[in-house]
């Protein structure tokens, strides 16, 4: 499994919220799934340790990614 970077997560200027900046073009290739009500979603990930560092002020930014399954089907 590998990941593809699609954006960044950082604290807002006020420090009261987290801001996501997503590259729309990078999301075009992301695998989607559909819920029972017909809505379409993309699963994104962020490293929890790095998010905690953003929250406590020791890191300014971390990446937002989605997982790419590179296994070859038999």
N, C-alpha and C. Protein backbone atom coordinates (compact mmCIF):
# COMPACT_ATOMS: atom_id res chain seq x y z
N UNK A 1 0.85 -1.18 0.00
CA UNK A 1 0.00 0.00 0.00
C UNK A 1 0.89 1.23 0.00
N UNK A 2 0.56 2.20 -0.79
CA UNK A 2 1.26 3.48 -0.76
C UNK A 2 0.22 4.58 -0.59
N UNK A 3 0.68 5.78 -0.32
CA UNK A 3 -0.25 6.89 -0.15
C UNK A 3 0.05 7.97 -1.17
N UNK A 4 -0.97 8.75 -1.49
CA UNK A 4 -0.81 9.87 -2.41
C UNK A 4 -1.23 11.15 -1.69
N UNK A 5 -0.35 12.12 -1.72
CA UNK A 5 -0.59 13.41 -1.08
C UNK A 5 -1.66 14.18 -1.85
N UNK A 6 -2.67 14.67 -1.15
CA UNK A 6 -3.72 15.46 -1.79
C UNK A 6 -3.93 16.81 -1.13
N UNK A 7 -3.24 17.07 -0.02
CA UNK A 7 -3.43 18.35 0.63
C UNK A 7 -2.68 18.44 1.95
N UNK A 8 -3.02 19.47 2.71
CA UNK A 8 -2.34 19.75 3.96
C UNK A 8 -3.33 20.10 5.06
N UNK A 9 -2.90 19.85 6.29
CA UNK A 9 -3.68 20.17 7.48
C UNK A 9 -2.83 21.08 8.35
N UNK A 10 -3.43 22.16 8.81
CA UNK A 10 -2.72 23.09 9.70
C UNK A 10 -3.72 23.76 10.62
N UNK A 11 -3.21 24.40 11.68
CA UNK A 11 -4.06 25.19 12.57
C UNK A 11 -4.42 26.50 11.90
N UNK A 12 -5.62 26.98 12.21
CA UNK A 12 -6.01 28.29 11.70
C UNK A 12 -5.19 29.37 12.42
N UNK A 13 -5.27 30.59 11.92
CA UNK A 13 -4.53 31.69 12.55
C UNK A 13 -4.96 31.91 13.99
N UNK A 14 -6.24 31.68 14.29
CA UNK A 14 -6.71 31.85 15.66
C UNK A 14 -6.35 30.68 16.55
N UNK A 15 -6.00 29.55 15.94
CA UNK A 15 -5.68 28.35 16.71
C UNK A 15 -6.89 27.60 17.20
N UNK A 16 -8.08 28.04 16.81
CA UNK A 16 -9.31 27.41 17.29
C UNK A 16 -9.84 26.32 16.38
N UNK A 17 -9.33 26.25 15.15
CA UNK A 17 -9.79 25.24 14.21
C UNK A 17 -8.61 24.67 13.43
N UNK A 18 -8.85 23.54 12.79
CA UNK A 18 -7.87 22.97 11.87
C UNK A 18 -8.35 23.24 10.46
N UNK A 19 -7.43 23.64 9.60
CA UNK A 19 -7.77 23.96 8.21
C UNK A 19 -7.24 22.87 7.29
N UNK A 20 -8.08 22.43 6.37
CA UNK A 20 -7.68 21.48 5.35
C UNK A 20 -7.55 22.22 4.03
N UNK A 21 -6.44 22.05 3.37
CA UNK A 21 -6.26 22.57 2.03
C UNK A 21 -6.11 21.38 1.10
N UNK A 22 -7.07 21.18 0.21
CA UNK A 22 -7.07 20.00 -0.66
C UNK A 22 -6.88 20.39 -2.11
N UNK A 23 -6.06 19.63 -2.81
CA UNK A 23 -5.81 19.82 -4.24
C UNK A 23 -6.91 19.06 -4.99
N UNK A 24 -7.84 19.77 -5.57
CA UNK A 24 -8.99 19.17 -6.24
C UNK A 24 -8.55 18.23 -7.36
N UNK A 25 -7.54 18.63 -8.12
CA UNK A 25 -7.07 17.78 -9.21
C UNK A 25 -6.51 16.46 -8.69
N UNK A 26 -5.85 16.48 -7.55
CA UNK A 26 -5.28 15.26 -6.97
C UNK A 26 -6.38 14.31 -6.51
N UNK A 27 -7.55 14.84 -6.18
CA UNK A 27 -8.66 14.00 -5.72
C UNK A 27 -9.37 13.28 -6.86
N UNK A 28 -9.15 13.71 -8.09
CA UNK A 28 -9.83 13.11 -9.24
C UNK A 28 -9.55 11.62 -9.33
N UNK A 29 -8.31 11.21 -9.05
CA UNK A 29 -7.92 9.81 -9.18
C UNK A 29 -8.19 8.98 -7.92
N UNK A 30 -8.63 9.62 -6.85
CA UNK A 30 -8.84 8.90 -5.59
C UNK A 30 -9.99 7.91 -5.70
N UNK A 31 -9.78 6.75 -5.06
CA UNK A 31 -10.84 5.74 -5.03
C UNK A 31 -12.01 6.24 -4.20
N UNK A 32 -13.21 6.03 -4.71
CA UNK A 32 -14.43 6.49 -4.04
C UNK A 32 -15.25 5.30 -3.58
N UNK A 33 -16.09 5.55 -2.59
CA UNK A 33 -17.07 4.54 -2.19
C UNK A 33 -18.42 5.21 -2.04
N UNK A 34 -19.45 4.43 -2.17
CA UNK A 34 -20.81 4.96 -2.12
C UNK A 34 -21.55 4.39 -0.91
N UNK A 35 -22.29 5.25 -0.23
CA UNK A 35 -23.08 4.82 0.91
C UNK A 35 -24.47 4.39 0.46
N UNK A 36 -25.22 3.81 1.36
CA UNK A 36 -26.56 3.31 1.02
C UNK A 36 -27.48 4.39 0.46
N UNK A 37 -27.27 5.62 0.90
CA UNK A 37 -28.13 6.71 0.41
C UNK A 37 -27.65 7.28 -0.92
N UNK A 38 -26.62 6.67 -1.53
CA UNK A 38 -26.15 7.08 -2.85
C UNK A 38 -25.10 8.17 -2.85
N UNK A 39 -24.67 8.62 -1.67
CA UNK A 39 -23.65 9.67 -1.61
C UNK A 39 -22.27 9.05 -1.81
N UNK A 40 -21.38 9.81 -2.45
CA UNK A 40 -20.05 9.34 -2.78
C UNK A 40 -19.01 10.00 -1.87
N UNK A 41 -18.06 9.20 -1.39
CA UNK A 41 -17.03 9.69 -0.47
C UNK A 41 -15.66 9.21 -0.90
N UNK A 42 -14.62 9.92 -0.42
CA UNK A 42 -13.22 9.53 -0.57
C UNK A 42 -12.65 9.45 0.84
N UNK A 43 -11.99 8.34 1.16
CA UNK A 43 -11.35 8.20 2.48
C UNK A 43 -9.98 8.87 2.45
N UNK A 44 -9.78 9.82 3.34
CA UNK A 44 -8.50 10.52 3.46
C UNK A 44 -7.89 10.19 4.81
N UNK A 45 -6.56 10.25 4.90
CA UNK A 45 -5.87 9.93 6.14
C UNK A 45 -4.88 11.02 6.51
N UNK A 46 -4.62 11.12 7.81
CA UNK A 46 -3.56 11.98 8.35
C UNK A 46 -2.95 11.23 9.53
N UNK A 47 -1.67 11.33 9.70
CA UNK A 47 -0.97 10.68 10.79
C UNK A 47 -1.38 11.31 12.12
N UNK A 48 -1.91 10.50 13.03
CA UNK A 48 -2.42 11.05 14.29
C UNK A 48 -1.33 11.69 15.14
N UNK A 49 -0.13 11.11 15.13
CA UNK A 49 0.97 11.70 15.89
C UNK A 49 1.31 13.09 15.40
N UNK A 50 1.31 13.25 14.07
CA UNK A 50 1.62 14.57 13.50
C UNK A 50 0.48 15.56 13.75
N UNK A 51 -0.76 15.09 13.75
CA UNK A 51 -1.89 15.97 14.07
C UNK A 51 -1.79 16.43 15.52
N UNK A 52 -1.42 15.52 16.43
CA UNK A 52 -1.24 15.90 17.84
C UNK A 52 -0.15 16.96 17.98
N UNK A 53 0.93 16.83 17.18
CA UNK A 53 2.00 17.83 17.21
C UNK A 53 1.50 19.18 16.72
N UNK A 54 0.62 19.20 15.74
CA UNK A 54 0.02 20.46 15.29
C UNK A 54 -0.80 21.07 16.42
N UNK A 55 -1.58 20.24 17.09
CA UNK A 55 -2.43 20.72 18.17
C UNK A 55 -1.62 21.28 19.34
N UNK A 56 -0.48 20.65 19.65
CA UNK A 56 0.31 21.16 20.78
C UNK A 56 1.34 22.22 20.37
N UNK A 57 1.39 22.54 19.07
CA UNK A 57 2.22 23.65 18.62
C UNK A 57 3.64 23.29 18.24
N UNK A 58 4.03 22.01 18.23
CA UNK A 58 5.39 21.64 17.87
C UNK A 58 5.57 21.39 16.37
N UNK A 59 4.48 21.39 15.63
CA UNK A 59 4.51 21.21 14.17
C UNK A 59 3.50 22.16 13.58
N UNK A 60 3.80 22.69 12.40
CA UNK A 60 2.87 23.64 11.76
C UNK A 60 1.94 22.99 10.76
N UNK A 61 2.39 21.94 10.08
CA UNK A 61 1.59 21.37 8.99
C UNK A 61 1.88 19.88 8.84
N UNK A 62 0.91 19.14 8.33
CA UNK A 62 1.12 17.75 7.94
C UNK A 62 0.30 17.46 6.69
N UNK A 63 0.64 16.39 6.03
CA UNK A 63 -0.03 16.04 4.79
C UNK A 63 -1.33 15.28 4.99
N UNK A 64 -2.23 15.44 4.02
CA UNK A 64 -3.47 14.67 3.94
C UNK A 64 -3.31 13.78 2.70
N UNK A 65 -3.58 12.50 2.86
CA UNK A 65 -3.35 11.54 1.78
C UNK A 65 -4.54 10.60 1.63
N UNK A 66 -4.52 9.86 0.55
CA UNK A 66 -5.39 8.69 0.44
C UNK A 66 -4.51 7.50 0.10
N UNK A 67 -4.97 6.31 0.46
CA UNK A 67 -4.20 5.09 0.23
C UNK A 67 -4.46 4.56 -1.16
N UNK A 68 -3.38 4.10 -1.80
CA UNK A 68 -3.45 3.52 -3.13
C UNK A 68 -3.03 2.06 -3.01
N UNK A 69 -3.90 1.15 -3.41
CA UNK A 69 -3.59 -0.27 -3.37
C UNK A 69 -2.88 -0.64 -4.65
N UNK A 70 -1.59 -0.94 -4.55
CA UNK A 70 -0.78 -1.24 -5.74
C UNK A 70 -0.64 -2.75 -5.98
N UNK A 71 -1.40 -3.58 -5.23
CA UNK A 71 -1.30 -5.01 -5.43
C UNK A 71 -1.84 -5.39 -6.81
N UNK A 72 -1.24 -6.34 -7.42
CA UNK A 72 -1.65 -6.80 -8.73
C UNK A 72 -2.64 -7.95 -8.54
N UNK A 73 -3.78 -7.87 -9.20
CA UNK A 73 -4.79 -8.93 -9.10
C UNK A 73 -4.31 -10.14 -9.87
N UNK A 74 -4.56 -11.35 -9.34
CA UNK A 74 -4.14 -12.57 -10.05
C UNK A 74 -4.96 -12.81 -11.30
